[in-house]
N, C-alpha and C. Protein backbone atom coordinates (compact mmCIF):
# COMPACT_ATOMS: atom_id res chain seq x y z
N MET A 1 -167.74 162.91 -30.72
CA MET A 1 -168.07 162.75 -32.12
C MET A 1 -167.55 161.43 -32.65
N THR A 2 -166.34 161.06 -32.26
CA THR A 2 -165.77 159.79 -32.73
C THR A 2 -166.57 158.61 -32.21
N ALA A 3 -167.05 158.70 -30.97
CA ALA A 3 -167.83 157.60 -30.40
C ALA A 3 -169.13 157.42 -31.17
N ARG A 4 -169.78 158.50 -31.52
CA ARG A 4 -171.02 158.40 -32.28
C ARG A 4 -170.79 157.83 -33.67
N LEU A 5 -169.70 158.21 -34.29
CA LEU A 5 -169.37 157.69 -35.60
C LEU A 5 -169.10 156.19 -35.54
N GLY A 6 -168.38 155.76 -34.52
CA GLY A 6 -168.09 154.33 -34.35
C GLY A 6 -169.35 153.52 -34.09
N ILE A 7 -170.22 154.04 -33.26
CA ILE A 7 -171.48 153.34 -32.97
C ILE A 7 -172.35 153.29 -34.22
N ALA A 8 -172.41 154.38 -34.95
CA ALA A 8 -173.21 154.40 -36.18
C ALA A 8 -172.65 153.42 -37.21
N ALA A 9 -171.33 153.34 -37.31
CA ALA A 9 -170.72 152.41 -38.26
C ALA A 9 -170.98 150.96 -37.85
N ALA A 10 -170.89 150.66 -36.57
CA ALA A 10 -171.16 149.30 -36.11
C ALA A 10 -172.63 148.93 -36.33
N PHE A 11 -173.52 149.87 -36.08
CA PHE A 11 -174.94 149.62 -36.30
C PHE A 11 -175.24 149.40 -37.78
N ALA A 12 -174.65 150.21 -38.63
CA ALA A 12 -174.86 150.06 -40.08
C ALA A 12 -174.30 148.74 -40.58
N ALA A 13 -173.14 148.34 -40.08
CA ALA A 13 -172.56 147.06 -40.48
C ALA A 13 -173.43 145.90 -40.02
N ALA A 14 -173.95 146.00 -38.82
CA ALA A 14 -174.81 144.93 -38.30
C ALA A 14 -176.08 144.80 -39.13
N LEU A 15 -176.66 145.92 -39.51
CA LEU A 15 -177.87 145.86 -40.32
C LEU A 15 -177.58 145.42 -41.74
N ALA A 16 -176.46 145.84 -42.28
CA ALA A 16 -176.12 145.46 -43.65
C ALA A 16 -175.84 143.96 -43.75
N LEU A 17 -175.28 143.42 -42.70
CA LEU A 17 -174.95 142.00 -42.67
C LEU A 17 -175.94 141.27 -41.78
N ALA A 18 -177.18 141.58 -41.90
CA ALA A 18 -178.18 141.17 -40.92
C ALA A 18 -178.48 139.69 -40.87
N GLY A 19 -178.09 138.91 -41.81
CA GLY A 19 -178.34 137.50 -41.58
C GLY A 19 -178.29 136.61 -42.79
N CYS A 20 -178.04 135.37 -42.51
CA CYS A 20 -178.06 134.31 -43.48
C CYS A 20 -179.23 133.39 -43.14
N GLY A 21 -179.77 132.75 -44.11
CA GLY A 21 -180.83 131.78 -43.87
C GLY A 21 -182.18 132.28 -44.32
N THR A 22 -183.11 131.37 -44.32
CA THR A 22 -184.44 131.73 -44.78
C THR A 22 -185.46 131.82 -43.65
N SER A 23 -185.21 131.16 -42.54
CA SER A 23 -186.17 131.26 -41.43
C SER A 23 -185.82 132.47 -40.55
N GLN A 24 -186.81 132.95 -39.84
CA GLN A 24 -186.61 134.11 -38.98
C GLN A 24 -185.59 133.82 -37.89
N SER A 25 -185.61 132.63 -37.32
CA SER A 25 -184.66 132.31 -36.25
C SER A 25 -183.24 132.20 -36.78
N ASP A 26 -183.05 131.62 -37.98
CA ASP A 26 -181.72 131.56 -38.57
C ASP A 26 -181.16 132.96 -38.81
N ARG A 27 -182.00 133.82 -39.33
CA ARG A 27 -181.56 135.17 -39.65
C ARG A 27 -181.25 135.97 -38.38
N ALA A 28 -182.04 135.78 -37.32
CA ALA A 28 -181.76 136.48 -36.06
C ALA A 28 -180.47 135.96 -35.43
N LEU A 29 -180.26 134.66 -35.48
CA LEU A 29 -179.05 134.08 -34.89
C LEU A 29 -177.79 134.52 -35.63
N SER A 30 -177.81 134.40 -36.95
CA SER A 30 -176.62 134.79 -37.71
C SER A 30 -176.42 136.31 -37.69
N GLY A 31 -177.51 137.06 -37.72
CA GLY A 31 -177.39 138.52 -37.62
C GLY A 31 -176.80 138.95 -36.29
N GLY A 32 -177.22 138.29 -35.22
CA GLY A 32 -176.66 138.60 -33.90
C GLY A 32 -175.18 138.28 -33.82
N ALA A 33 -174.77 137.16 -34.39
CA ALA A 33 -173.35 136.79 -34.36
C ALA A 33 -172.50 137.76 -35.18
N ILE A 34 -172.97 138.07 -36.38
CA ILE A 34 -172.24 139.01 -37.23
C ILE A 34 -172.20 140.39 -36.59
N GLY A 35 -173.33 140.82 -36.04
CA GLY A 35 -173.39 142.12 -35.38
C GLY A 35 -172.50 142.21 -34.15
N ALA A 36 -172.44 141.13 -33.39
CA ALA A 36 -171.57 141.13 -32.20
C ALA A 36 -170.10 141.24 -32.61
N GLY A 37 -169.74 140.54 -33.66
CA GLY A 37 -168.35 140.64 -34.14
C GLY A 37 -168.02 142.04 -34.62
N ALA A 38 -168.90 142.60 -35.44
CA ALA A 38 -168.67 143.95 -35.94
C ALA A 38 -168.69 144.97 -34.80
N GLY A 39 -169.60 144.79 -33.86
CA GLY A 39 -169.68 145.70 -32.72
C GLY A 39 -168.47 145.62 -31.81
N ALA A 40 -167.93 144.42 -31.65
CA ALA A 40 -166.74 144.26 -30.81
C ALA A 40 -165.54 144.97 -31.44
N VAL A 41 -165.42 144.86 -32.76
CA VAL A 41 -164.32 145.56 -33.44
C VAL A 41 -164.50 147.07 -33.32
N GLY A 42 -165.71 147.54 -33.60
CA GLY A 42 -165.97 148.97 -33.47
C GLY A 42 -165.80 149.46 -32.05
N GLY A 43 -166.26 148.67 -31.09
CA GLY A 43 -166.11 149.03 -29.68
C GLY A 43 -164.67 149.03 -29.23
N ALA A 44 -163.88 148.10 -29.76
CA ALA A 44 -162.46 148.04 -29.40
C ALA A 44 -161.73 149.29 -29.88
N LEU A 45 -162.13 149.80 -31.03
CA LEU A 45 -161.52 151.03 -31.53
C LEU A 45 -161.82 152.21 -30.63
N LEU A 46 -162.94 152.14 -29.92
CA LEU A 46 -163.33 153.22 -29.03
C LEU A 46 -163.01 152.93 -27.57
N GLY A 47 -162.46 151.74 -27.30
CA GLY A 47 -162.09 151.39 -25.93
C GLY A 47 -163.15 150.65 -25.15
N HIS A 48 -164.23 150.23 -25.79
CA HIS A 48 -165.32 149.53 -25.10
C HIS A 48 -165.80 148.34 -25.93
N PRO A 49 -164.97 147.28 -26.05
CA PRO A 49 -165.35 146.17 -26.92
C PRO A 49 -166.59 145.39 -26.46
N LEU A 50 -166.78 145.24 -25.16
CA LEU A 50 -167.95 144.49 -24.69
C LEU A 50 -169.25 145.25 -24.95
N ALA A 51 -169.22 146.54 -24.73
CA ALA A 51 -170.41 147.34 -25.02
C ALA A 51 -170.70 147.33 -26.52
N GLY A 52 -169.66 147.43 -27.32
CA GLY A 52 -169.84 147.38 -28.77
C GLY A 52 -170.40 146.05 -29.22
N ALA A 53 -169.91 144.96 -28.62
CA ALA A 53 -170.41 143.63 -28.98
C ALA A 53 -171.88 143.47 -28.59
N ALA A 54 -172.24 143.98 -27.42
CA ALA A 54 -173.63 143.88 -26.97
C ALA A 54 -174.56 144.68 -27.87
N LEU A 55 -174.18 145.91 -28.19
CA LEU A 55 -175.01 146.74 -29.06
C LEU A 55 -175.07 146.19 -30.47
N GLY A 56 -173.93 145.76 -30.99
CA GLY A 56 -173.89 145.19 -32.34
C GLY A 56 -174.67 143.90 -32.44
N GLY A 57 -174.57 143.06 -31.42
CA GLY A 57 -175.32 141.81 -31.40
C GLY A 57 -176.82 142.04 -31.37
N ALA A 58 -177.24 142.99 -30.55
CA ALA A 58 -178.66 143.31 -30.47
C ALA A 58 -179.17 143.89 -31.78
N ALA A 59 -178.39 144.78 -32.38
CA ALA A 59 -178.80 145.39 -33.65
C ALA A 59 -178.83 144.34 -34.77
N GLY A 60 -177.83 143.47 -34.79
CA GLY A 60 -177.79 142.43 -35.82
C GLY A 60 -178.92 141.43 -35.68
N ALA A 61 -179.22 141.04 -34.45
CA ALA A 61 -180.31 140.09 -34.22
C ALA A 61 -181.65 140.72 -34.61
N ALA A 62 -181.83 141.98 -34.26
CA ALA A 62 -183.07 142.66 -34.65
C ALA A 62 -183.15 142.80 -36.16
N GLY A 63 -182.04 143.16 -36.77
CA GLY A 63 -182.03 143.30 -38.22
C GLY A 63 -182.32 141.98 -38.92
N GLY A 64 -181.77 140.91 -38.40
CA GLY A 64 -182.04 139.60 -38.97
C GLY A 64 -183.46 139.14 -38.75
N ALA A 65 -184.00 139.44 -37.59
CA ALA A 65 -185.36 139.00 -37.26
C ALA A 65 -186.43 139.80 -38.00
N PHE A 66 -186.15 141.07 -38.25
CA PHE A 66 -187.17 141.93 -38.85
C PHE A 66 -187.01 142.14 -40.35
N THR A 67 -186.12 141.40 -40.98
CA THR A 67 -186.03 141.44 -42.43
C THR A 67 -186.43 140.09 -42.98
N ASN A 68 -186.69 140.03 -44.26
CA ASN A 68 -187.00 138.74 -44.86
C ASN A 68 -185.96 138.43 -45.92
N PRO A 69 -185.88 137.19 -46.39
CA PRO A 69 -184.85 136.82 -47.35
C PRO A 69 -184.88 137.61 -48.65
N ASN A 70 -186.00 138.21 -48.99
CA ASN A 70 -186.06 139.02 -50.20
C ASN A 70 -185.36 140.36 -50.03
N GLN A 71 -185.19 140.82 -48.80
CA GLN A 71 -184.53 142.09 -48.54
C GLN A 71 -183.02 141.93 -48.43
N VAL A 72 -182.57 140.96 -47.64
CA VAL A 72 -181.14 140.70 -47.44
C VAL A 72 -180.97 139.19 -47.39
N ASP A 73 -180.14 138.64 -48.28
CA ASP A 73 -179.92 137.19 -48.26
C ASP A 73 -178.45 136.91 -48.56
N LEU A 74 -177.74 136.41 -47.55
CA LEU A 74 -176.34 136.06 -47.71
C LEU A 74 -176.14 134.58 -47.95
N GLY A 75 -177.21 133.85 -48.19
CA GLY A 75 -177.08 132.44 -48.52
C GLY A 75 -177.42 131.53 -47.35
N LYS A 76 -177.05 130.28 -47.52
CA LYS A 76 -177.34 129.25 -46.53
C LYS A 76 -176.42 129.38 -45.31
N PRO A 77 -176.96 129.28 -44.10
CA PRO A 77 -176.11 129.36 -42.90
C PRO A 77 -175.13 128.18 -42.83
N VAL A 78 -173.99 128.40 -42.20
CA VAL A 78 -172.97 127.37 -42.13
C VAL A 78 -173.40 126.19 -41.25
N TRP A 79 -174.35 126.39 -40.35
CA TRP A 79 -174.74 125.29 -39.46
C TRP A 79 -175.79 124.38 -40.08
N LYS A 80 -176.18 124.61 -41.29
CA LYS A 80 -177.17 123.74 -41.94
C LYS A 80 -176.57 123.00 -43.10
């Protein structure tokens, strides 16, 4: 039960913080980075940080790629 809760929390965090930027590639890149970080923290709490980072990164990248700036916009990416 705890593992499912941790995975669900990491997935929700990755989607909530799905990306910065206005282009699809910017949003996928930043969403993947944010998701990997959140997933690594969630995975570390459950004893599997690499698996958490991989799942969180994939969820964040998908969330960033499949949303548009009108749905979630955290501003201009730091690399621009």
